[in-house]
């Protein structure tokens, strides 16, 4: 299956209003911000999108909203919809329903918590593959799922199932070419490595606020090491809390309101907010506050 999803894909946060409901107006505004800041597309309803806290009608409604807006405003932009679940029946249902909304591709994480055997993983993806005609990106993030997908298993899945065309690789230890699959960096700091490998790009979070910088990393290969070094403090300091939380805080600070997170995530406290504010000030995105 031939496909091109672009190079800079932002794992988009899900905006919530003051009552904790999905804020569609803020979501559309955020999409425009991302697409005007260097993203080639967005991944919705993933980890950073707090998919674990979305009810199915919210999940599917958000995919529909962003796909419709992308088609209208940015016809060449790409939408990748998260459809993962550790219940294969639920994953298949989400895959079927998301497919009907016609995003450009799907992101499917391996079953988490219950940690099936290798044969179970293959059977899971056989069912997911059969439920769609869209390209599927696998998602390997063992620090969250509790189970790694080794590169040879990734290659086998790509060979067995025609819809599986790529992987979001969030295990830096496994970062390498995978036969038959396109590789996307699943950690922002590994985008440079993936680009140097000649692979597809990255599914990023800090591109919410550093989109033009990551765009330069793609467009200016000779400057990549310098750009990477300039982002070292952001890579470090945005990790003080879950990335959905720190990115939402940063967006709110720079004037792109997205609200707070849903429990069990909590908003940054005063000290943590000061850390994020300081990063933004150092990078010229906010004026330094008077002492």
C-alpha atoms as a PDB file:
ATOM      1  CA  UNK A   1       0.000   0.000   0.000  1.00  0.00           C
ATOM      2  CA  UNK A   2       1.455   3.348  -1.100  1.00  0.00           C
ATOM      3  CA  UNK A   3       1.013   6.289   1.241  1.00  0.00           C
ATOM      4  CA  UNK A   4       2.579   9.574   2.323  1.00  0.00           C
ATOM      5  CA  UNK A   5       1.487  11.006   5.640  1.00  0.00           C
ATOM      6  CA  UNK A   6       4.081  13.766   5.791  1.00  0.00           C
ATOM      7  CA  UNK A   7       7.046  14.279   8.068  1.00  0.00           C
ATOM      8  CA  UNK A   8       5.919  16.429  11.022  1.00  0.00           C
ATOM      9  CA  UNK A   9       2.778  14.982  12.598  1.00  0.00           C
ATOM     10  CA  UNK A  10       1.606  16.506  15.870  1.00  0.00           C
ATOM     11  CA  UNK A  11       0.046  14.214  18.471  1.00  0.00           C
ATOM     12  CA  UNK A  12      -2.734  16.699  19.144  1.00  0.00           C
ATOM     13  CA  UNK A  13      -4.081  17.414  22.613  1.00  0.00           C
ATOM     14  CA  UNK A  14      -7.837  17.257  23.112  1.00  0.00           C
ATOM     15  CA  UNK A  15      -9.107  20.645  24.350  1.00  0.00           C
ATOM     16  CA  UNK A  16     -11.637  20.611  27.179  1.00  0.00           C
ATOM     17  CA  UNK A  17     -13.817  23.467  28.369  1.00  0.00           C
ATOM     18  CA  UNK A  18     -14.328  24.658  31.953  1.00  0.00           C
ATOM     19  CA  UNK A  19     -16.859  21.878  32.522  1.00  0.00           C
ATOM     20  CA  UNK A  20     -14.526  19.167  31.236  1.00  0.00           C
ATOM     21  CA  UNK A  21     -16.389  18.655  27.943  1.00  0.00           C
ATOM     22  CA  UNK A  22     -14.620  18.452  24.588  1.00  0.00           C
ATOM     23  CA  UNK A  23     -14.226  22.013  23.323  1.00  0.00           C
ATOM     24  CA  UNK A  24     -14.787  21.823  19.568  1.00  0.00           C
ATOM     25  CA  UNK A  25     -14.179  25.525  18.959  1.00  0.00           C
ATOM     26  CA  UNK A  26     -10.818  25.339  20.704  1.00  0.00           C
ATOM     27  CA  UNK A  27      -9.998  22.152  18.799  1.00  0.00           C
ATOM     28  CA  UNK A  28     -10.550  23.814  15.426  1.00  0.00           C
ATOM     29  CA  UNK A  29      -8.494  26.813  16.522  1.00  0.00           C
ATOM     30  CA  UNK A  30      -5.694  24.505  17.664  1.00  0.00           C
ATOM     31  CA  UNK A  31      -5.728  22.601  14.372  1.00  0.00           C
ATOM     32  CA  UNK A  32      -5.232  25.848  12.472  1.00  0.00           C
ATOM     33  CA  UNK A  33      -2.401  26.827  14.822  1.00  0.00           C
ATOM     34  CA  UNK A  34      -0.626  23.516  14.227  1.00  0.00           C
ATOM     35  CA  UNK A  35      -1.044  23.525  10.464  1.00  0.00           C
ATOM     36  CA  UNK A  36       0.180  27.129  10.258  1.00  0.00           C
ATOM     37  CA  UNK A  37       3.202  26.244  12.438  1.00  0.00           C
ATOM     38  CA  UNK A  38       4.835  23.553  10.337  1.00  0.00           C
ATOM     39  CA  UNK A  39       2.824  20.375  10.882  1.00  0.00           C
ATOM     40  CA  UNK A  40       1.989  18.207   7.885  1.00  0.00           C
ATOM     41  CA  UNK A  41      -0.862  16.631   9.809  1.00  0.00           C
ATOM     42  CA  UNK A  42      -2.131  15.563  13.200  1.00  0.00           C
ATOM     43  CA  UNK A  43      -2.671  12.404  15.200  1.00  0.00           C
ATOM     44  CA  UNK A  44      -5.910  12.605  17.172  1.00  0.00           C
ATOM     45  CA  UNK A  45      -7.164  10.512  20.082  1.00  0.00           C
ATOM     46  CA  UNK A  46      -3.761   9.141  20.990  1.00  0.00           C
ATOM     47  CA  UNK A  47      -1.883   9.188  24.278  1.00  0.00           C
ATOM     48  CA  UNK A  48      -1.369  12.963  24.207  1.00  0.00           C
ATOM     49  CA  UNK A  49      -5.005  13.349  23.188  1.00  0.00           C
ATOM     50  CA  UNK A  50      -6.023  11.660  26.467  1.00  0.00           C
ATOM     51  CA  UNK A  51      -7.885   8.974  24.530  1.00  0.00           C
ATOM     52  CA  UNK A  52      -8.055   6.802  27.637  1.00  0.00           C
ATOM     53  CA  UNK A  53     -10.459   9.346  29.166  1.00  0.00           C
ATOM     54  CA  UNK A  54     -12.700   9.784  26.113  1.00  0.00           C
ATOM     55  CA  UNK A  55     -16.018   8.010  25.761  1.00  0.00           C
ATOM     56  CA  UNK A  56     -16.488   6.390  22.371  1.00  0.00           C
ATOM     57  CA  UNK A  57     -18.912   9.052  21.156  1.00  0.00           C
ATOM     58  CA  UNK A  58     -16.401  11.764  22.113  1.00  0.00           C
ATOM     59  CA  UNK A  59     -13.547   9.829  20.541  1.00  0.00           C
ATOM     60  CA  UNK A  60     -15.345   9.348  17.229  1.00  0.00           C
ATOM     61  CA  UNK A  61     -16.828  12.837  17.303  1.00  0.00           C
ATOM     62  CA  UNK A  62     -13.357  14.323  17.630  1.00  0.00           C
ATOM     63  CA  UNK A  63     -12.045  12.287  14.696  1.00  0.00           C
ATOM     64  CA  UNK A  64     -15.003  13.444  12.621  1.00  0.00           C
ATOM     65  CA  UNK A  65     -14.546  17.092  13.623  1.00  0.00           C
ATOM     66  CA  UNK A  66     -10.832  17.263  12.856  1.00  0.00           C
ATOM     67  CA  UNK A  67     -11.117  15.277   9.622  1.00  0.00           C
ATOM     68  CA  UNK A  68     -13.895  17.539   8.361  1.00  0.00           C
ATOM     69  CA  UNK A  69     -12.023  20.724   9.271  1.00  0.00           C
ATOM     70  CA  UNK A  70      -8.756  19.464   7.778  1.00  0.00           C
ATOM     71  CA  UNK A  71     -10.460  18.618   4.481  1.00  0.00           C
ATOM     72  CA  UNK A  72     -12.042  22.072   4.325  1.00  0.00           C
ATOM     73  CA  UNK A  73      -9.084  24.206   5.402  1.00  0.00           C
ATOM     74  CA  UNK A  74      -5.974  22.168   4.540  1.00  0.00           C
ATOM     75  CA  UNK A  75      -6.804  19.668   1.783  1.00  0.00           C
ATOM     76  CA  UNK A  76      -3.258  18.297   1.739  1.00  0.00           C
ATOM     77  CA  UNK A  77      -3.084  17.896   5.521  1.00  0.00           C
ATOM     78  CA  UNK A  78      -3.270  14.436   7.041  1.00  0.00           C
ATOM     79  CA  UNK A  79      -5.344  13.080   9.918  1.00  0.00           C
ATOM     80  CA  UNK A  80      -4.303   9.875  11.690  1.00  0.00           C
ATOM     81  CA  UNK A  81      -6.878   8.547  14.131  1.00  0.00           C
ATOM     82  CA  UNK A  82      -6.002   6.576  17.241  1.00  0.00           C
ATOM     83  CA  UNK A  83      -8.081   3.396  17.494  1.00  0.00           C
ATOM     84  CA  UNK A  84      -6.149   1.268  19.993  1.00  0.00           C
ATOM     85  CA  UNK A  85      -7.616  -0.849  22.760  1.00  0.00           C
ATOM     86  CA  UNK A  86      -6.520  -3.832  24.797  1.00  0.00           C
ATOM     87  CA  UNK A  87      -9.895  -5.429  24.054  1.00  0.00           C
ATOM     88  CA  UNK A  88      -9.697  -6.689  20.473  1.00  0.00           C
ATOM     89  CA  UNK A  89     -13.463  -6.442  20.034  1.00  0.00           C
ATOM     90  CA  UNK A  90     -13.363  -2.803  21.071  1.00  0.00           C
ATOM     91  CA  UNK A  91     -10.329  -2.105  18.872  1.00  0.00           C
ATOM     92  CA  UNK A  92     -12.156  -3.618  15.889  1.00  0.00           C
ATOM     93  CA  UNK A  93     -15.293  -1.595  16.641  1.00  0.00           C
ATOM     94  CA  UNK A  94     -13.313   1.650  16.921  1.00  0.00           C
ATOM     95  CA  UNK A  95     -11.402   0.785  13.759  1.00  0.00           C
ATOM     96  CA  UNK A  96     -14.593   0.163  11.798  1.00  0.00           C
ATOM     97  CA  UNK A  97     -16.296   3.299  13.080  1.00  0.00           C
ATOM     98  CA  UNK A  98     -13.239   5.509  12.575  1.00  0.00           C
ATOM     99  CA  UNK A  99     -12.749   4.126   9.075  1.00  0.00           C
ATOM    100  CA  UNK A 100     -16.245   5.304   8.160  1.00  0.00           C
ATOM    101  CA  UNK A 101     -15.177   8.864   9.055  1.00  0.00           C
ATOM    102  CA  UNK A 102     -12.352   8.655   6.452  1.00  0.00           C
ATOM    103  CA  UNK A 103      -9.240   9.971   8.149  1.00  0.00           C
ATOM    104  CA  UNK A 104      -6.045   9.308   6.194  1.00  0.00           C
ATOM    105  CA  UNK A 105      -4.721   6.534   8.420  1.00  0.00           C
ATOM    106  CA  UNK A 106      -5.127   4.813  11.779  1.00  0.00           C
ATOM    107  CA  UNK A 107      -2.789   4.441  14.758  1.00  0.00           C
ATOM    108  CA  UNK A 108      -3.130   1.138  16.599  1.00  0.00           C
ATOM    109  CA  UNK A 109      -1.243   0.406  19.816  1.00  0.00           C
ATOM    110  CA  UNK A 110      -0.604  -3.188  20.853  1.00  0.00           C
ATOM    111  CA  UNK A 111      -2.839  -4.475  23.672  1.00  0.00           C
ATOM    112  CA  UNK A 112      -1.693  -2.996  26.980  1.00  0.00           C
ATOM    113  CA  UNK A 113      -1.977  -4.308  30.530  1.00  0.00           C
ATOM    114  CA  UNK A 114      -3.148  -7.815  29.555  1.00  0.00           C
ATOM    115  CA  UNK A 115       0.082  -8.342  27.561  1.00  0.00           C
ATOM    116  CA  UNK A 116      -0.891 -11.130  25.137  1.00  0.00           C
ATOM    117  CA  UNK A 117       1.569 -13.669  23.743  1.00  0.00           C
ATOM    118  CA  UNK A 118       3.178 -13.216  20.336  1.00  0.00           C
ATOM    119  CA  UNK A 119       0.423 -15.317  18.772  1.00  0.00           C
ATOM    120  CA  UNK A 120      -2.142 -13.177  20.559  1.00  0.00           C
ATOM    121  CA  UNK A 121      -0.588  -9.963  19.196  1.00  0.00           C
ATOM    122  CA  UNK A 122      -0.665 -11.386  15.677  1.00  0.00           C
ATOM    123  CA  UNK A 123      -4.290 -12.488  16.068  1.00  0.00           C
ATOM    124  CA  UNK A 124      -5.212  -9.049  17.436  1.00  0.00           C
ATOM    125  CA  UNK A 125      -3.744  -7.288  14.418  1.00  0.00           C
ATOM    126  CA  UNK A 126      -5.307  -9.788  12.022  1.00  0.00           C
ATOM    127  CA  UNK A 127      -8.698  -8.662  13.322  1.00  0.00           C
ATOM    128  CA  UNK A 128      -7.799  -4.957  13.190  1.00  0.00           C
ATOM    129  CA  UNK A 129      -6.375  -5.293   9.675  1.00  0.00           C
ATOM    130  CA  UNK A 130      -9.585  -6.935   8.479  1.00  0.00           C
ATOM    131  CA  UNK A 131     -11.693  -4.096   9.877  1.00  0.00           C
ATOM    132  CA  UNK A 132     -10.404  -1.290   7.631  1.00  0.00           C
ATOM    133  CA  UNK A 133      -9.244  -0.306   4.178  1.00  0.00           C
ATOM    134  CA  UNK A 134      -7.062   2.502   5.571  1.00  0.00           C
ATOM    135  CA  UNK A 135      -3.301   2.421   6.239  1.00  0.00           C
ATOM    136  CA  UNK A 136      -2.405   1.381   9.791  1.00  0.00           C
ATOM    137  CA  UNK A 137       0.540   2.640  11.819  1.00  0.00           C
ATOM    138  CA  UNK A 138       1.551   0.376  14.669  1.00  0.00           C
ATOM    139  CA  UNK A 139       2.520   2.044  17.935  1.00  0.00           C
ATOM    140  CA  UNK A 140       5.299   0.573  20.039  1.00  0.00           C
ATOM    141  CA  UNK A 141       5.499   2.193  23.473  1.00  0.00           C
ATOM    142  CA  UNK A 142       6.448  -0.505  25.993  1.00  0.00           C
ATOM    143  CA  UNK A 143       6.812   1.970  28.842  1.00  0.00           C
ATOM    144  CA  UNK A 144       3.015   2.344  28.676  1.00  0.00           C
ATOM    145  CA  UNK A 145       1.836  -1.008  27.324  1.00  0.00           C
ATOM    146  CA  UNK A 146       4.128  -3.231  29.394  1.00  0.00           C
ATOM    147  CA  UNK A 147       5.084  -5.208  26.275  1.00  0.00           C
ATOM    148  CA  UNK A 148       7.639  -4.428  23.582  1.00  0.00           C
ATOM    149  CA  UNK A 149       7.102  -5.162  19.891  1.00  0.00           C
ATOM    150  CA  UNK A 150      10.574  -6.239  18.697  1.00  0.00           C
ATOM    151  CA  UNK A 151      11.567  -5.078  15.238  1.00  0.00           C
ATOM    152  CA  UNK A 152      11.387  -8.575  13.797  1.00  0.00           C
ATOM    153  CA  UNK A 153       7.787  -8.879  15.023  1.00  0.00           C
ATOM    154  CA  UNK A 154       6.989  -5.462  13.550  1.00  0.00           C
ATOM    155  CA  UNK A 155       8.387  -6.657  10.224  1.00  0.00           C
ATOM    156  CA  UNK A 156       6.344  -9.850  10.425  1.00  0.00           C
ATOM    157  CA  UNK A 157       3.153  -7.890  11.083  1.00  0.00           C
ATOM    158  CA  UNK A 158       3.873  -5.684   8.089  1.00  0.00           C
ATOM    159  CA  UNK A 159       4.467  -8.712   5.890  1.00  0.00           C
ATOM    160  CA  UNK A 160       1.362 -10.570   7.061  1.00  0.00           C
ATOM    161  CA  UNK A 161      -1.131  -7.703   6.929  1.00  0.00           C
ATOM    162  CA  UNK A 162      -1.412  -5.434   3.908  1.00  0.00           C
ATOM    163  CA  UNK A 163      -2.867  -2.464   5.782  1.00  0.00           C
ATOM    164  CA  UNK A 164       0.042  -2.229   8.232  1.00  0.00           C
ATOM    165  CA  UNK A 165       2.461   0.193   6.626  1.00  0.00           C
ATOM    166  CA  UNK A 166       4.424   1.885   9.389  1.00  0.00           C
ATOM    167  CA  UNK A 167       5.257   2.179  13.063  1.00  0.00           C
ATOM    168  CA  UNK A 168       5.423   4.956  15.609  1.00  0.00           C
ATOM    169  CA  UNK A 169       8.529   3.798  17.457  1.00  0.00           C
ATOM    170  CA  UNK A 170       8.625   5.113  21.017  1.00  0.00           C
ATOM    171  CA  UNK A 171      11.220   2.609  22.240  1.00  0.00           C
ATOM    172  CA  UNK A 172      14.518   4.355  21.520  1.00  0.00           C
ATOM    173  CA  UNK A 173      16.426   1.103  22.046  1.00  0.00           C
ATOM    174  CA  UNK A 174      14.661  -0.368  18.999  1.00  0.00           C
ATOM    175  CA  UNK A 175      15.119   2.643  16.743  1.00  0.00           C
ATOM    176  CA  UNK A 176      16.204   1.202  13.400  1.00  0.00           C
ATOM    177  CA  UNK A 177      14.871   0.555   9.939  1.00  0.00           C
ATOM    178  CA  UNK A 178      12.173  -2.131   9.825  1.00  0.00           C
ATOM    179  CA  UNK A 179      11.773  -4.100   6.627  1.00  0.00           C
ATOM    180  CA  UNK A 180       8.521  -3.231   4.898  1.00  0.00           C
ATOM    181  CA  UNK A 181       7.506  -0.451   7.304  1.00  0.00           C
ATOM    182  CA  UNK A 182       7.993   3.300   7.452  1.00  0.00           C
ATOM    183  CA  UNK A 183       9.367   4.439  10.802  1.00  0.00           C
ATOM    184  CA  UNK A 184       8.134   7.497  12.684  1.00  0.00           C
ATOM    185  CA  UNK A 185       9.880   8.750  15.813  1.00  0.00           C
ATOM    186  CA  UNK A 186       7.614   8.372  18.829  1.00  0.00           C
ATOM    187  CA  UNK A 187       9.832  10.549  21.027  1.00  0.00           C
ATOM    188  CA  UNK A 188      10.551  14.129  20.020  1.00  0.00           C
ATOM    189  CA  UNK A 189      14.243  13.878  20.776  1.00  0.00           C
ATOM    190  CA  UNK A 190      14.570  10.996  18.301  1.00  0.00           C
ATOM    191  CA  UNK A 191      13.233  12.893  15.275  1.00  0.00           C
ATOM    192  CA  UNK A 192      16.774  13.776  14.276  1.00  0.00           C
ATOM    193  CA  UNK A 193      17.798  10.107  14.361  1.00  0.00           C
ATOM    194  CA  UNK A 194      14.849   9.046  12.207  1.00  0.00           C
ATOM    195  CA  UNK A 195      15.550  11.786   9.670  1.00  0.00           C
ATOM    196  CA  UNK A 196      19.214  10.817   9.504  1.00  0.00           C
ATOM    197  CA  UNK A 197      18.111   7.211   8.851  1.00  0.00           C
ATOM    198  CA  UNK A 198      16.146   8.474   5.853  1.00  0.00           C
ATOM    199  CA  UNK A 199      12.875   7.424   7.455  1.00  0.00           C
ATOM    200  CA  UNK A 200       9.435   9.044   7.437  1.00  0.00           C
ATOM    201  CA  UNK A 201       9.488  11.604  10.262  1.00  0.00           C
ATOM    202  CA  UNK A 202       8.024  11.967  13.720  1.00  0.00           C
ATOM    203  CA  UNK A 203       4.770  11.925  15.646  1.00  0.00           C
ATOM    204  CA  UNK A 204       5.648  14.718  18.014  1.00  0.00           C
ATOM    205  CA  UNK A 205       4.265  16.593  21.000  1.00  0.00           C
ATOM    206  CA  UNK A 206       6.483  19.654  21.399  1.00  0.00           C
ATOM    207  CA  UNK A 207       5.485  20.631  17.859  1.00  0.00           C
ATOM    208  CA  UNK A 208       2.418  22.134  19.550  1.00  0.00           C
ATOM    209  CA  UNK A 209       4.673  25.053  20.441  1.00  0.00           C
ATOM    210  CA  UNK A 210       7.974  24.431  18.619  1.00  0.00           C
ATOM    211  CA  UNK A 211       6.494  23.521  15.251  1.00  0.00           C
ATOM    212  CA  UNK A 212       8.590  25.944  13.172  1.00  0.00           C
ATOM    213  CA  UNK A 213      11.764  24.650  14.844  1.00  0.00           C
ATOM    214  CA  UNK A 214      10.983  21.039  13.969  1.00  0.00           C
ATOM    215  CA  UNK A 215      10.087  22.175  10.436  1.00  0.00           C
ATOM    216  CA  UNK A 216      13.586  23.629  10.145  1.00  0.00           C
ATOM    217  CA  UNK A 217      15.053  20.321  11.288  1.00  0.00           C
ATOM    218  CA  UNK A 218      13.353  18.685   8.305  1.00  0.00           C
ATOM    219  CA  UNK A 219      14.106  21.412   5.783  1.00  0.00           C
ATOM    220  CA  UNK A 220      17.680  22.270   6.830  1.00  0.00           C
ATOM    221  CA  UNK A 221      19.651  19.010   7.192  1.00  0.00           C
ATOM    222  CA  UNK A 222      22.957  20.808   7.720  1.00  0.00           C
ATOM    223  CA  UNK A 223      21.538  22.613  10.776  1.00  0.00           C
ATOM    224  CA  UNK A 224      19.987  19.551  12.463  1.00  0.00           C
ATOM    225  CA  UNK A 225      22.600  19.118  15.191  1.00  0.00           C
ATOM    226  CA  UNK A 226      22.442  22.792  16.107  1.00  0.00           C
ATOM    227  CA  UNK A 227      18.629  22.718  16.198  1.00  0.00           C
ATOM    228  CA  UNK A 228      18.670  19.547  18.296  1.00  0.00           C
ATOM    229  CA  UNK A 229      20.993  21.168  20.816  1.00  0.00           C
ATOM    230  CA  UNK A 230      18.785  24.254  20.993  1.00  0.00           C
ATOM    231  CA  UNK A 231      15.821  22.097  22.045  1.00  0.00           C
ATOM    232  CA  UNK A 232      17.624  20.212  24.817  1.00  0.00           C
ATOM    233  CA  UNK A 233      16.076  22.283  27.593  1.00  0.00           C
ATOM    234  CA  UNK A 234      12.577  21.819  26.159  1.00  0.00           C
ATOM    235  CA  UNK A 235      13.020  18.051  25.830  1.00  0.00           C
ATOM    236  CA  UNK A 236      14.108  18.000  29.488  1.00  0.00           C
ATOM    237  CA  UNK A 237      11.671  20.431  31.082  1.00  0.00           C
ATOM    238  CA  UNK A 238       8.467  19.372  29.324  1.00  0.00           C
ATOM    239  CA  UNK A 239       9.020  16.009  30.992  1.00  0.00           C
ATOM    240  CA  UNK A 240       8.213  17.361  34.467  1.00  0.00           C
ATOM    241  CA  UNK A 241       4.668  16.029  33.988  1.00  0.00           C
ATOM    242  CA  UNK A 242       2.821  13.950  31.372  1.00  0.00           C
ATOM    243  CA  UNK A 243       3.272  15.561  27.962  1.00  0.00           C
ATOM    244  CA  UNK A 244      -0.463  16.086  27.505  1.00  0.00           C
ATOM    245  CA  UNK A 245      -0.346  18.261  30.616  1.00  0.00           C
ATOM    246  CA  UNK A 246       2.819  20.235  29.878  1.00  0.00           C
ATOM    247  CA  UNK A 247       1.813  20.888  26.281  1.00  0.00           C
ATOM    248  CA  UNK A 248      -1.613  22.097  27.357  1.00  0.00           C
ATOM    249  CA  UNK A 249       0.004  24.423  29.876  1.00  0.00           C
ATOM    250  CA  UNK A 250       2.376  25.785  27.228  1.00  0.00           C
ATOM    251  CA  UNK A 251      -0.415  26.343  24.723  1.00  0.00           C
ATOM    252  CA  UNK A 252      -2.489  28.185  27.304  1.00  0.00           C
ATOM    253  CA  UNK A 253       0.500  30.370  28.154  1.00  0.00           C
ATOM    254  CA  UNK A 254       1.168  31.355  24.518  1.00  0.00           C
ATOM    255  CA  UNK A 255      -2.456  32.263  23.894  1.00  0.00           C
ATOM    256  CA  UNK A 256      -3.829  29.102  22.284  1.00  0.00           C
ATOM    257  CA  UNK A 257      -6.403  28.116  24.920  1.00  0.00           C
ATOM    258  CA  UNK A 258      -7.050  24.388  25.263  1.00  0.00           C
ATOM    259  CA  UNK A 259      -8.193  24.087  28.871  1.00  0.00           C
ATOM    260  CA  UNK A 260      -6.845  21.600  31.360  1.00  0.00           C
ATOM    261  CA  UNK A 261      -6.580  17.809  31.417  1.00  0.00           C
ATOM    262  CA  UNK A 262      -9.053  15.224  32.648  1.00  0.00           C
ATOM    263  CA  UNK A 263      -8.411  13.142  35.709  1.00  0.00           C
ATOM    264  CA  UNK A 264      -6.308  11.210  36.490  1.00  0.00           C
ATOM    265  CA  UNK A 265      -4.089  13.897  34.968  1.00  0.00           C
ATOM    266  CA  UNK A 266      -3.992  17.129  36.967  1.00  0.00           C
ATOM    267  CA  UNK A 267      -2.942  20.613  35.953  1.00  0.00           C
ATOM    268  CA  UNK A 268       0.570  21.798  36.663  1.00  0.00           C
ATOM    269  CA  UNK A 269       1.167  23.382  40.031  1.00  0.00           C
ATOM    270  CA  UNK A 270       2.717  26.818  40.394  1.00  0.00           C
ATOM    271  CA  UNK A 271       6.321  25.581  40.445  1.00  0.00           C
ATOM    272  CA  UNK A 272       5.812  23.326  37.430  1.00  0.00           C
ATOM    273  CA  UNK A 273       4.101  26.097  35.493  1.00  0.00           C
ATOM    274  CA  UNK A 274       7.087  28.325  36.221  1.00  0.00           C
ATOM    275  CA  UNK A 275       9.375  25.727  34.625  1.00  0.00           C
ATOM    276  CA  UNK A 276       7.312  25.683  31.417  1.00  0.00           C
ATOM    277  CA  UNK A 277       7.024  29.456  31.391  1.00  0.00           C
ATOM    278  CA  UNK A 278      10.807  29.740  31.722  1.00  0.00           C
ATOM    279  CA  UNK A 279      11.358  27.471  28.705  1.00  0.00           C
ATOM    280  CA  UNK A 280       8.984  29.581  26.633  1.00  0.00           C
ATOM    281  CA  UNK A 281      10.699  32.764  27.773  1.00  0.00           C
ATOM    282  CA  UNK A 282      14.156  31.404  26.881  1.00  0.00           C
ATOM    283  CA  UNK A 283      12.901  30.574  23.399  1.00  0.00           C
ATOM    284  CA  UNK A 284      11.333  33.991  22.882  1.00  0.00           C
ATOM    285  CA  UNK A 285       7.720  32.829  22.982  1.00  0.00           C
ATOM    286  CA  UNK A 286       6.857  34.848  26.078  1.00  0.00           C
ATOM    287  CA  UNK A 287       8.252  38.028  27.538  1.00  0.00           C
ATOM    288  CA  UNK A 288      10.159  37.411  30.737  1.00  0.00           C
ATOM    289  CA  UNK A 289       8.195  38.323  33.831  1.00  0.00           C
ATOM    290  CA  UNK A 290       9.610  41.013  36.077  1.00  0.00           C
ATOM    291  CA  UNK A 291      11.294  39.681  39.181  1.00  0.00           C
END
